[in-house]
Each structure stands twice: as C-alpha cells, then as structure tokens.
Amino acid sequence: MVNGAAAPTPAETPIMRVFCANPVLCAENLACSRGDRLVFSGVGFDVEPGQALVVTGANGSGKTSLLRIVCGLLEPAAGELRWDGTKTRKLGEEYFARLGYVGHLNGLKDDLTPAENLRTATGMSGAPADEGAARTALQRLGIEGQADLPVRWLSQGQKRRAALARLLVTKRSLWVLDEPFTALDRESTATVEALLQEHLEGGGLALLATHQDLHGVRAPILRLGLGA
C-alpha cells in the first residue's frame, strides 16, 4: 500500500494515488472542475473489501466533490471509476445498488418519523419495508426513544443518527460518508465507529471525508489528502 503525491511544478497539480493489492473500487486520474477552476486532478485510489479510505483536506479542496463523483452525483472532468474492473458508468444501477450515501444533508423527511424514514429507504432499495429492522437500526444508534416522533422535533445529533441508521437497513456494500460524525457526541461517535468496524469486518468498503481520528476502527484505513 502506497500513498504518494508528486511534487507540483508551476505547470501541474499534484498526482495523488493510493494503491492496494486486490481492489474492488478503483479510481483512475479523477479530476474535478468548478467553472473555470480546477479543484483537483490526477486523483486515484484502490479500495479492497474490509478497507476504509479516509479523504482529508482543507475546505474547498474537493472532498465532498470527490465523494459525489464516487456516488454518481457529479460528473468528473476527467478520469474513470471502476467497480470490480468494470466502469461504473457502464454498470449503472448495478453499481448504485451497492452504494449507501450519507452526505452533509441527512436526507430525511421532516414530516415522517425516523422509523417511517427508514422503512421508506428500505422500500426504495428494493427490500421489504421491515418495521422490525427499522426499529433495531434505530436502537443500535441509540434513538429508539425517538422512533415515532416527527424528524422535525429531533436534535441535530438525533437526526444525524437517524440518517446513519439508514445504512443498516439498506445493507449496501459500499458506504460513502461525508463528515459522518457531525453533531455527534463522544458516545454516538464511538457507536458509529463500532458500526463501521462491523461493516468492514463483514467485507464491506467505506469512503469517508472526515477529520475525525477513527480510534474505534481496527480495520485497515487508507488515507488520501487532497490539496496536499
């Protein structure tokens, strides 16, 4: 495993590459532009089952944009993303069915309860809208007491935990998490780290944009710094 960045010259931007031996998710020379500004270029990584890739960098370095590219929500200016050797653009829904995304916004309906939000998410993933699974997921995130309250009544930390509980009911192999620990206290952070460790131990993969040190995650962690 190598994490390196070539020294930039006035005519080029850094090339960032994270390698591993048996990758499932691979990025090659990804670039992102905002208007006329090149945010990053030459970014690549390989992630194996059981590994987490942590993306770091200053505000504006492109962390969220990179995660949105991985999720298919943003088209890269250059480069390719592959899943198990096949371009994700070609796989289409077959790739997206493997992906669970929690972004800056929690993606919850304020008028629904956490339990209703989770049942809706499960149904949209193609699985039965299981009431028991929804309540078990909320219990694991420590908000079973708020399961039947409208989301608009919840604190920011409770909303974040309800959003993260969605990962447990949809059961996707690739978790893409943008600042997942936002608004969480120390106990809730430890809970999410334990769930991430469990996901990786089960052969899942994860991409995270976070400045949080993952003290509770023992699985292999790769690191990719943007704007280095």
C-alpha atoms as a PDB file:
ATOM      1  CA  MET A   1       0.000   0.000   0.000  1.00  0.00           C
ATOM      2  CA  VAL A   2       1.486   3.338  -1.082  1.00  0.00           C
ATOM      3  CA  ASN A   3       0.145   6.820  -0.610  1.00  0.00           C
ATOM      4  CA  GLY A   4       2.169   9.353  -2.532  1.00  0.00           C
ATOM      5  CA  ALA A   5       1.953  12.770  -4.116  1.00  0.00           C
ATOM      6  CA  ALA A   6       4.295  14.011  -6.817  1.00  0.00           C
ATOM      7  CA  ALA A   7       5.829  17.398  -6.157  1.00  0.00           C
ATOM      8  CA  PRO A   8       3.926  20.026  -8.157  1.00  0.00           C
ATOM      9  CA  THR A   9       5.584  22.229 -10.737  1.00  0.00           C
ATOM     10  CA  PRO A  10       4.162  25.568 -11.848  1.00  0.00           C
ATOM     11  CA  ALA A  11       2.539  23.797 -14.812  1.00  0.00           C
ATOM     12  CA  GLU A  12       0.912  20.893 -12.993  1.00  0.00           C
ATOM     13  CA  THR A  13      -1.147  19.880  -9.973  1.00  0.00           C
ATOM     14  CA  PRO A  14      -0.249  17.040  -7.595  1.00  0.00           C
ATOM     15  CA  ILE A  15      -0.995  13.469  -8.681  1.00  0.00           C
ATOM     16  CA  MET A  16      -2.388  11.556  -5.729  1.00  0.00           C
ATOM     17  CA  ARG A  17      -2.608   7.768  -5.768  1.00  0.00           C
ATOM     18  CA  VAL A  18      -3.476   5.172  -3.121  1.00  0.00           C
ATOM     19  CA  PHE A  19      -2.743   1.577  -4.123  1.00  0.00           C
ATOM     20  CA  CYS A  20      -3.809  -1.816  -2.767  1.00  0.00           C
ATOM     21  CA  ALA A  21      -3.387  -5.372  -3.993  1.00  0.00           C
ATOM     22  CA  ASN A  22      -6.921  -6.680  -4.641  1.00  0.00           C
ATOM     23  CA  PRO A  23      -9.136  -3.660  -5.277  1.00  0.00           C
ATOM     24  CA  VAL A  24     -12.871  -3.689  -5.908  1.00  0.00           C
ATOM     25  CA  LEU A  25     -13.358   0.077  -6.182  1.00  0.00           C
ATOM     26  CA  CYS A  26     -10.757   1.820  -8.358  1.00  0.00           C
ATOM     27  CA  ALA A  27     -10.411   5.444  -9.411  1.00  0.00           C
ATOM     28  CA  GLU A  28      -8.064   6.490 -12.203  1.00  0.00           C
ATOM     29  CA  ASN A  29      -6.868  10.075 -12.726  1.00  0.00           C
ATOM     30  CA  LEU A  30     -10.061  11.726 -11.497  1.00  0.00           C
ATOM     31  CA  ALA A  31     -10.363  15.474 -11.965  1.00  0.00           C
ATOM     32  CA  CYS A  32     -12.965  17.958 -10.795  1.00  0.00           C
ATOM     33  CA  SER A  33     -13.685  21.478 -12.042  1.00  0.00           C
ATOM     34  CA  ARG A  34     -15.890  24.266 -10.737  1.00  0.00           C
ATOM     35  CA  GLY A  35     -16.461  26.724 -13.524  1.00  0.00           C
ATOM     36  CA  ASP A  36     -13.027  27.632 -14.832  1.00  0.00           C
ATOM     37  CA  ARG A  37     -11.240  26.459 -11.688  1.00  0.00           C
ATOM     38  CA  LEU A  38      -9.593  23.040 -11.499  1.00  0.00           C
ATOM     39  CA  VAL A  39     -10.289  21.778  -7.967  1.00  0.00           C
ATOM     40  CA  PHE A  40      -8.180  18.622  -8.219  1.00  0.00           C
ATOM     41  CA  SER A  41      -6.737  16.336 -10.875  1.00  0.00           C
ATOM     42  CA  GLY A  42      -4.762  13.111 -11.133  1.00  0.00           C
ATOM     43  CA  VAL A  43      -6.549  11.572  -8.141  1.00  0.00           C
ATOM     44  CA  GLY A  44      -6.677   7.799  -7.943  1.00  0.00           C
ATOM     45  CA  PHE A  45      -7.277   5.128  -5.352  1.00  0.00           C
ATOM     46  CA  ASP A  46      -7.941   1.422  -4.921  1.00  0.00           C
ATOM     47  CA  VAL A  47     -10.075   0.081  -2.076  1.00  0.00           C
ATOM     48  CA  GLU A  48     -10.384  -3.589  -1.126  1.00  0.00           C
ATOM     49  CA  PRO A  49     -13.185  -5.263   0.828  1.00  0.00           C
ATOM     50  CA  GLY A  50     -12.553  -4.668   4.524  1.00  0.00           C
ATOM     51  CA  GLN A  51     -10.821  -1.321   3.972  1.00  0.00           C
ATOM     52  CA  ALA A  52     -11.812   2.288   4.587  1.00  0.00           C
ATOM     53  CA  LEU A  53     -10.410   5.205   2.604  1.00  0.00           C
ATOM     54  CA  VAL A  54     -10.345   8.453   4.577  1.00  0.00           C
ATOM     55  CA  VAL A  55     -10.243  11.618   2.442  1.00  0.00           C
ATOM     56  CA  THR A  56      -8.803  14.713   4.102  1.00  0.00           C
ATOM     57  CA  GLY A  57      -8.013  18.247   3.013  1.00  0.00           C
ATOM     58  CA  ALA A  58      -8.741  21.890   3.677  1.00  0.00           C
ATOM     59  CA  ASN A  59     -12.128  23.459   2.973  1.00  0.00           C
ATOM     60  CA  GLY A  60     -12.523  23.827  -0.773  1.00  0.00           C
ATOM     61  CA  SER A  61     -10.020  21.087  -1.621  1.00  0.00           C
ATOM     62  CA  GLY A  62     -12.760  18.937  -3.176  1.00  0.00           C
ATOM     63  CA  LYS A  63     -13.535  16.286  -0.545  1.00  0.00           C
ATOM     64  CA  THR A  64     -17.301  16.481  -0.984  1.00  0.00           C
ATOM     65  CA  SER A  65     -16.947  16.715  -4.759  1.00  0.00           C
ATOM     66  CA  LEU A  66     -14.829  13.550  -4.818  1.00  0.00           C
ATOM     67  CA  LEU A  67     -17.421  11.652  -2.798  1.00  0.00           C
ATOM     68  CA  ARG A  68     -20.206  12.921  -5.054  1.00  0.00           C
ATOM     69  CA  ILE A  69     -18.258  11.695  -8.077  1.00  0.00           C
ATOM     70  CA  VAL A  70     -17.999   8.256  -6.464  1.00  0.00           C
ATOM     71  CA  CYS A  71     -21.778   8.322  -5.893  1.00  0.00           C
ATOM     72  CA  GLY A  72     -22.523   9.333  -9.479  1.00  0.00           C
ATOM     73  CA  LEU A  73     -23.988  12.657  -8.352  1.00  0.00           C
ATOM     74  CA  LEU A  74     -21.256  14.668 -10.061  1.00  0.00           C
ATOM     75  CA  GLU A  75     -19.584  14.037 -13.397  1.00  0.00           C
ATOM     76  CA  PRO A  76     -15.772  14.082 -13.237  1.00  0.00           C
ATOM     77  CA  ALA A  77     -13.931  16.484 -15.517  1.00  0.00           C
ATOM     78  CA  ALA A  78     -11.605  13.596 -16.349  1.00  0.00           C
ATOM     79  CA  GLY A  79     -10.825  10.061 -15.240  1.00  0.00           C
ATOM     80  CA  GLU A  80     -12.737   6.853 -14.619  1.00  0.00           C
ATOM     81  CA  LEU A  81     -14.226   4.960 -11.715  1.00  0.00           C
ATOM     82  CA  ARG A  82     -14.400   1.154 -11.802  1.00  0.00           C
ATOM     83  CA  TRP A  83     -16.185  -1.440  -9.691  1.00  0.00           C
ATOM     84  CA  ASP A  84     -14.645  -4.910  -9.844  1.00  0.00           C
ATOM     85  CA  GLY A  85     -12.913  -3.981 -13.095  1.00  0.00           C
ATOM     86  CA  THR A  86     -15.954  -2.536 -14.912  1.00  0.00           C
ATOM     87  CA  LYS A  87     -16.600   1.164 -15.397  1.00  0.00           C
ATOM     88  CA  THR A  88     -19.325   2.342 -13.046  1.00  0.00           C
ATOM     89  CA  ARG A  89     -20.946   4.313 -15.877  1.00  0.00           C
ATOM     90  CA  LYS A  90     -21.459   1.039 -17.717  1.00  0.00           C
ATOM     91  CA  LEU A  91     -22.763  -0.767 -14.625  1.00  0.00           C
ATOM     92  CA  GLY A  92     -25.299   1.962 -13.875  1.00  0.00           C
ATOM     93  CA  GLU A  93     -27.926   0.764 -11.384  1.00  0.00           C
ATOM     94  CA  GLU A  94     -25.950  -2.405 -10.689  1.00  0.00           C
ATOM     95  CA  TYR A  95     -23.270  -0.200  -9.128  1.00  0.00           C
ATOM     96  CA  PHE A  96     -25.630   2.221  -7.389  1.00  0.00           C
ATOM     97  CA  ALA A  97     -27.446  -0.714  -5.768  1.00  0.00           C
ATOM     98  CA  ARG A  98     -24.216  -1.441  -3.876  1.00  0.00           C
ATOM     99  CA  LEU A  99     -23.806   2.099  -2.561  1.00  0.00           C
ATOM    100  CA  GLY A 100     -25.067   3.756   0.603  1.00  0.00           C
ATOM    101  CA  TYR A 101     -24.502   7.521   0.845  1.00  0.00           C
ATOM    102  CA  VAL A 102     -24.873   9.885   3.794  1.00  0.00           C
ATOM    103  CA  GLY A 103     -23.917  13.414   2.799  1.00  0.00           C
ATOM    104  CA  HIS A 104     -23.824  16.768   4.586  1.00  0.00           C
ATOM    105  CA  LEU A 105     -27.616  16.810   4.431  1.00  0.00           C
ATOM    106  CA  ASN A 106     -29.300  13.989   6.297  1.00  0.00           C
ATOM    107  CA  GLY A 107     -31.789  13.167   3.565  1.00  0.00           C
ATOM    108  CA  LEU A 108     -34.708  12.742   5.970  1.00  0.00           C
ATOM    109  CA  LYS A 109     -38.320  13.812   5.514  1.00  0.00           C
ATOM    110  CA  ASP A 110     -39.137  16.174   8.385  1.00  0.00           C
ATOM    111  CA  ASP A 111     -42.812  15.205   8.498  1.00  0.00           C
ATOM    112  CA  LEU A 112     -42.040  11.480   8.812  1.00  0.00           C
ATOM    113  CA  THR A 113     -40.758   9.717  11.902  1.00  0.00           C
ATOM    114  CA  PRO A 114     -37.310   8.089  11.932  1.00  0.00           C
ATOM    115  CA  ALA A 115     -38.980   4.672  11.676  1.00  0.00           C
ATOM    116  CA  GLU A 116     -41.039   5.817   8.678  1.00  0.00           C
ATOM    117  CA  ASN A 117     -37.947   7.303   7.030  1.00  0.00           C
ATOM    118  CA  LEU A 118     -36.089   4.022   7.403  1.00  0.00           C
ATOM    119  CA  ARG A 119     -38.992   1.968   6.075  1.00  0.00           C
ATOM    120  CA  THR A 120     -39.153   4.294   3.083  1.00  0.00           C
ATOM    121  CA  ALA A 121     -35.403   3.931   2.482  1.00  0.00           C
ATOM    122  CA  THR A 122     -35.677   0.148   2.695  1.00  0.00           C
ATOM    123  CA  GLY A 123     -38.552   0.082   0.234  1.00  0.00           C
ATOM    124  CA  MET A 124     -36.667   2.299  -2.209  1.00  0.00           C
ATOM    125  CA  SER A 125     -33.699  -0.101  -2.032  1.00  0.00           C
ATOM    126  CA  GLY A 126     -35.932  -2.906  -3.282  1.00  0.00           C
ATOM    127  CA  ALA A 127     -36.186  -4.776   0.010  1.00  0.00           C
ATOM    128  CA  PRO A 128     -39.335  -5.252   2.108  1.00  0.00           C
ATOM    129  CA  ALA A 129     -40.103  -2.244   4.330  1.00  0.00           C
ATOM    130  CA  ASP A 130     -39.396  -4.135   7.538  1.00  0.00           C
ATOM    131  CA  GLU A 131     -40.664  -2.404  10.709  1.00  0.00           C
ATOM    132  CA  GLY A 132     -38.560  -4.614  12.965  1.00  0.00           C
ATOM    133  CA  ALA A 133     -35.351  -3.921  11.041  1.00  0.00           C
ATOM    134  CA  ALA A 134     -36.019  -0.178  11.171  1.00  0.00           C
ATOM    135  CA  ARG A 135     -36.512  -0.184  14.921  1.00  0.00           C
ATOM    136  CA  THR A 136     -33.474  -2.401  15.502  1.00  0.00           C
ATOM    137  CA  ALA A 137     -31.322   0.020  13.487  1.00  0.00           C
ATOM    138  CA  LEU A 138     -32.598   2.998  15.492  1.00  0.00           C
ATOM    139  CA  GLN A 139     -31.941   1.114  18.721  1.00  0.00           C
ATOM    140  CA  ARG A 140     -28.354   0.437  17.672  1.00  0.00           C
ATOM    141  CA  LEU A 141     -27.882   4.172  17.065  1.00  0.00           C
ATOM    142  CA  GLY A 142     -29.418   4.965  20.461  1.00  0.00           C
ATOM    143  CA  ILE A 143     -32.559   6.765  19.263  1.00  0.00           C
ATOM    144  CA  GLU A 144     -35.218   4.103  19.697  1.00  0.00           C
ATOM    145  CA  GLY A 145     -36.977   6.506  22.084  1.00  0.00           C
ATOM    146  CA  GLN A 146     -37.483   8.945  19.206  1.00  0.00           C
ATOM    147  CA  ALA A 147     -38.594   6.337  16.637  1.00  0.00           C
ATOM    148  CA  ASP A 148     -42.177   7.644  16.460  1.00  0.00           C
ATOM    149  CA  LEU A 149     -41.538  11.390  16.683  1.00  0.00           C
ATOM    150  CA  PRO A 150     -41.563  13.587  13.570  1.00  0.00           C
ATOM    151  CA  VAL A 151     -37.993  14.199  12.469  1.00  0.00           C
ATOM    152  CA  ARG A 152     -38.514  17.969  12.712  1.00  0.00           C
ATOM    153  CA  TRP A 153     -38.693  17.574  16.521  1.00  0.00           C
ATOM    154  CA  LEU A 154     -35.308  15.869  16.797  1.00  0.00           C
ATOM    155  CA  SER A 155     -31.992  17.462  17.711  1.00  0.00           C
ATOM    156  CA  GLN A 156     -29.260  17.711  15.077  1.00  0.00           C
ATOM    157  CA  GLY A 157     -27.400  14.797  16.634  1.00  0.00           C
ATOM    158  CA  GLN A 158     -30.541  12.638  16.647  1.00  0.00           C
ATOM    159  CA  LYS A 159     -31.216  13.480  13.006  1.00  0.00           C
ATOM    160  CA  ARG A 160     -27.664  12.519  12.115  1.00  0.00           C
ATOM    161  CA  ARG A 161     -28.022   9.182  13.868  1.00  0.00           C
ATOM    162  CA  ALA A 162     -31.333   8.534  12.095  1.00  0.00           C
ATOM    163  CA  ALA A 163     -29.621   9.207   8.755  1.00  0.00           C
ATOM    164  CA  LEU A 164     -26.755   6.861   9.602  1.00  0.00           C
ATOM    165  CA  ALA A 165     -29.232   4.174  10.657  1.00  0.00           C
ATOM    166  CA  ARG A 166     -30.277   4.078   7.010  1.00  0.00           C
ATOM    167  CA  LEU A 167     -27.003   2.282   6.254  1.00  0.00           C
ATOM    168  CA  LEU A 168     -28.052  -0.601   8.483  1.00  0.00           C
ATOM    169  CA  VAL A 169     -31.430  -1.203   6.849  1.00  0.00           C
ATOM    170  CA  THR A 170     -30.350  -0.803   3.208  1.00  0.00           C
ATOM    171  CA  LYS A 171     -27.318  -3.112   3.681  1.00  0.00           C
ATOM    172  CA  ARG A 172     -25.094  -1.725   0.924  1.00  0.00           C
ATOM    173  CA  SER A 173     -21.526  -2.990   0.488  1.00  0.00           C
ATOM    174  CA  LEU A 174     -20.005   0.471  -0.159  1.00  0.00           C
ATOM    175  CA  TRP A 175     -20.568   3.222   2.402  1.00  0.00           C
ATOM    176  CA  VAL A 176     -19.785   6.784   1.289  1.00  0.00           C
ATOM    177  CA  LEU A 177     -19.904   9.141   4.254  1.00  0.00           C
ATOM    178  CA  ASP A 178     -19.366  12.896   4.188  1.00  0.00           C
ATOM    179  CA  GLU A 179     -18.413  14.137   7.683  1.00  0.00           C
ATOM    180  CA  PRO A 180     -20.472  11.374   9.336  1.00  0.00           C
ATOM    181  CA  PHE A 181     -19.614  12.495  12.882  1.00  0.00           C
ATOM    182  CA  THR A 182     -21.098  15.988  12.522  1.00  0.00           C
ATOM    183  CA  ALA A 183     -23.275  16.885  15.566  1.00  0.00           C
ATOM    184  CA  LEU A 184     -22.457  13.603  17.336  1.00  0.00           C
ATOM    185  CA  ASP A 185     -21.299  13.437  20.935  1.00  0.00           C
ATOM    186  CA  ARG A 186     -18.476  11.166  22.074  1.00  0.00           C
ATOM    187  CA  GLU A 187     -20.738   8.196  22.839  1.00  0.00           C
ATOM    188  CA  SER A 188     -22.529   8.398  19.498  1.00  0.00           C
ATOM    189  CA  THR A 189     -19.210   8.752  17.681  1.00  0.00           C
ATOM    190  CA  ALA A 190     -17.990   5.550  19.327  1.00  0.00           C
ATOM    191  CA  THR A 191     -21.200   3.794  18.265  1.00  0.00           C
ATOM    192  CA  VAL A 192     -20.763   4.839  14.628  1.00  0.00           C
ATOM    193  CA  GLU A 193     -17.115   3.763  14.681  1.00  0.00           C
ATOM    194  CA  ALA A 194     -18.190   0.344  16.001  1.00  0.00           C
ATOM    195  CA  LEU A 195     -20.761   0.017  13.219  1.00  0.00           C
ATOM    196  CA  LEU A 196     -18.131   0.980  10.647  1.00  0.00           C
ATOM    197  CA  GLN A 197     -15.766  -1.630  12.060  1.00  0.00           C
ATOM    198  CA  GLU A 198     -18.531  -4.245  11.856  1.00  0.00           C
ATOM    199  CA  HIS A 199     -19.269  -3.274   8.250  1.00  0.00           C
ATOM    200  CA  LEU A 200     -15.610  -3.630   7.266  1.00  0.00           C
ATOM    201  CA  GLU A 201     -15.194  -6.909   9.127  1.00  0.00           C
ATOM    202  CA  GLY A 202     -18.111  -8.221   7.080  1.00  0.00           C
ATOM    203  CA  GLY A 203     -16.286  -7.466   3.824  1.00  0.00           C
ATOM    204  CA  GLY A 204     -17.750  -4.019   3.175  1.00  0.00           C
ATOM    205  CA  LEU A 205     -15.880  -0.958   1.898  1.00  0.00           C
ATOM    206  CA  ALA A 206     -16.094   2.658   3.014  1.00  0.00           C
ATOM    207  CA  LEU A 207     -15.062   6.115   1.813  1.00  0.00           C
ATOM    208  CA  LEU A 208     -15.168   8.884   4.389  1.00  0.00           C
ATOM    209  CA  ALA A 209     -14.443  12.585   4.313  1.00  0.00           C
ATOM    210  CA  THR A 210     -13.592  13.376   7.924  1.00  0.00           C
ATOM    211  CA  HIS A 211     -11.013  14.993  10.173  1.00  0.00           C
ATOM    212  CA  GLN A 212     -12.013  12.622  12.975  1.00  0.00           C
ATOM    213  CA  ASP A 213      -9.390  10.134  14.136  1.00  0.00           C
ATOM    214  CA  LEU A 214     -11.023   6.700  13.887  1.00  0.00           C
ATOM    215  CA  HIS A 215      -9.837   5.368  17.224  1.00  0.00           C
ATOM    216  CA  GLY A 216     -12.530   2.685  17.313  1.00  0.00           C
ATOM    217  CA  VAL A 217     -11.815   1.259  13.856  1.00  0.00           C
ATOM    218  CA  ARG A 218      -9.239  -1.528  13.755  1.00  0.00           C
ATOM    219  CA  ALA A 219      -9.719  -2.422  10.080  1.00  0.00           C
ATOM    220  CA  PRO A 220      -7.151  -1.173   7.553  1.00  0.00           C
ATOM    221  CA  ILE A 221      -7.506   2.556   6.879  1.00  0.00           C
ATOM    222  CA  LEU A 222      -6.076   4.193   3.764  1.00  0.00           C
ATOM    223  CA  ARG A 223      -5.634   7.966   3.618  1.00  0.00           C
ATOM    224  CA  LEU A 224      -5.871  10.334   0.684  1.00  0.00           C
ATOM    225  CA  GLY A 225      -5.078  14.016   1.185  1.00  0.00           C
ATOM    226  CA  LEU A 226      -6.489  16.498  -1.305  1.00  0.00           C
ATOM    227  CA  GLY A 227      -4.752  19.787  -1.914  1.00  0.00           C
ATOM    228  CA  ALA A 228      -1.514  18.461  -0.419  1.00  0.00           C
END
